[in-house]
Protein backbone atom coordinates (compact mmCIF):
# COMPACT_ATOMS: atom_id res chain seq x y z
CA MET A 1 36.97 68.50 -19.52
CA SER A 2 36.96 64.91 -18.57
CA GLU A 3 40.63 64.11 -18.69
CA HIS A 4 42.46 64.05 -15.25
CA ALA A 5 45.98 64.84 -14.47
CA ASP A 6 48.44 62.10 -15.46
CA PRO A 7 50.61 61.12 -12.43
CA ASN A 8 53.53 60.61 -14.95
CA ALA A 9 53.00 63.86 -16.90
CA HIS A 10 55.98 66.09 -17.13
CA PRO A 11 55.57 68.94 -14.58
CA THR A 12 56.17 71.63 -17.26
CA GLY A 13 53.39 70.29 -19.50
CA GLY A 14 55.38 67.89 -21.61
CA ALA A 15 53.75 64.66 -22.86
CA GLY A 16 52.74 62.16 -20.05
CA ARG A 17 52.26 58.48 -20.66
CA ARG A 18 49.13 56.49 -19.98
CA GLY A 19 49.69 52.90 -20.90
CA ALA A 20 51.88 52.00 -23.79
CA ASP A 21 50.35 54.22 -26.25
CA MET A 22 48.37 56.99 -24.67
CA SER A 23 50.41 60.17 -24.57
CA THR A 24 48.56 63.19 -23.17
CA PRO A 25 49.62 66.63 -22.36
CA CYS A 26 46.97 67.04 -19.68
CA ILE A 27 48.46 68.61 -16.53
CA GLY A 28 45.25 68.85 -14.55
CA VAL A 29 44.68 72.47 -15.03
CA CYS A 30 41.28 71.88 -16.89
CA GLN A 31 39.74 75.20 -17.68
CA ALA A 32 38.45 76.17 -21.17
CA ARG A 33 39.00 79.63 -22.51
CA ASP A 34 38.47 80.81 -26.02
CA GLY A 35 37.74 77.28 -27.21
CA ALA A 36 40.97 75.80 -25.78
CA CYS A 37 42.26 74.33 -22.41
CA VAL A 38 44.37 76.86 -20.51
CA GLY A 39 46.30 73.90 -19.03
CA CYS A 40 47.30 71.82 -21.96
CA LEU A 41 46.43 74.22 -24.71
CA ARG A 42 44.46 71.60 -26.82
CA THR A 43 41.31 72.66 -28.39
CA LEU A 44 38.03 71.37 -26.98
CA ALA A 45 37.48 69.24 -30.14
CA GLU A 46 41.16 67.73 -29.73
CA ILE A 47 40.27 66.82 -26.19
CA ALA A 48 36.93 65.21 -27.11
CA ALA A 49 38.56 63.19 -29.89
CA TRP A 50 41.99 62.42 -28.00
CA SER A 51 41.13 58.81 -27.03
CA GLY A 52 40.04 58.04 -30.75
CA LEU A 53 43.05 59.62 -32.46
CA SER A 54 45.87 57.53 -33.78
CA GLN A 55 49.20 57.60 -32.00
CA ALA A 56 50.70 59.48 -35.06
CA GLU A 57 47.85 62.18 -34.75
CA ARG A 58 48.35 62.64 -31.01
CA LEU A 59 52.11 62.84 -31.53
CA ARG A 60 51.71 65.48 -34.23
CA ILE A 61 49.62 67.66 -31.98
CA LEU A 62 52.03 67.13 -29.00
CA HIS A 63 55.24 67.84 -30.96
CA HIS A 64 53.96 70.34 -33.56
CA GLU A 65 50.77 72.07 -32.57
CA LEU A 66 51.18 72.50 -28.96
CA PRO A 67 54.69 73.94 -29.01
CA ARG A 68 53.41 76.62 -31.44
CA ARG A 69 50.49 77.42 -29.09
CA ARG A 70 52.81 77.69 -26.27
CA GLN A 71 54.98 80.12 -28.03
CA ARG A 72 51.92 82.27 -29.11
CA ALA A 73 50.79 82.14 -25.45
CA GLN A 74 54.05 83.85 -24.18
CA PRO A 75 53.96 87.58 -24.10
CA GLY A 76 55.30 88.99 -27.37
CA GLY A 77 54.59 85.75 -29.16
CA PRO A 78 53.21 85.62 -32.59
CA THR A 79 49.35 86.23 -33.01
CA PRO A 80 47.32 83.23 -33.88
CA LYS A 81 46.01 83.20 -37.55
CA ALA A 82 42.27 83.02 -38.31
CA GLY A 83 40.96 79.63 -37.62
CA GLU A 84 43.72 78.56 -35.37
CA ALA A 85 43.48 77.77 -31.67
CA PRO A 86 44.30 80.57 -29.38
CA GLY A 87 47.43 80.40 -27.25
C-alpha cells in the first residue's frame, strides 16, 4: 500500500486531513489481509482509487463503510455478507 501515515490522522483511526480536501483513514499500519488493509480497513480497490475519488465518495466510505467494517471486526460483531469487504 502506497499511502503513508498522515501526521494529522486521529490516533484511533478517525479521518485525517491532507490538504483542504483529502481526508484519509490511513493510520500507517499498511498490511493487506483478505483483500483489505488491517490498519484502515479500506479494500485494496478503495486504496488504489482513493486519490481519484470525489470528496463525497471518500466521506461516504469514511462515515458509512468503515464504521460498519470496524463493528464487524470486533469480537462478536456481525459477519460480513457475500461480496462485502472483511472486517
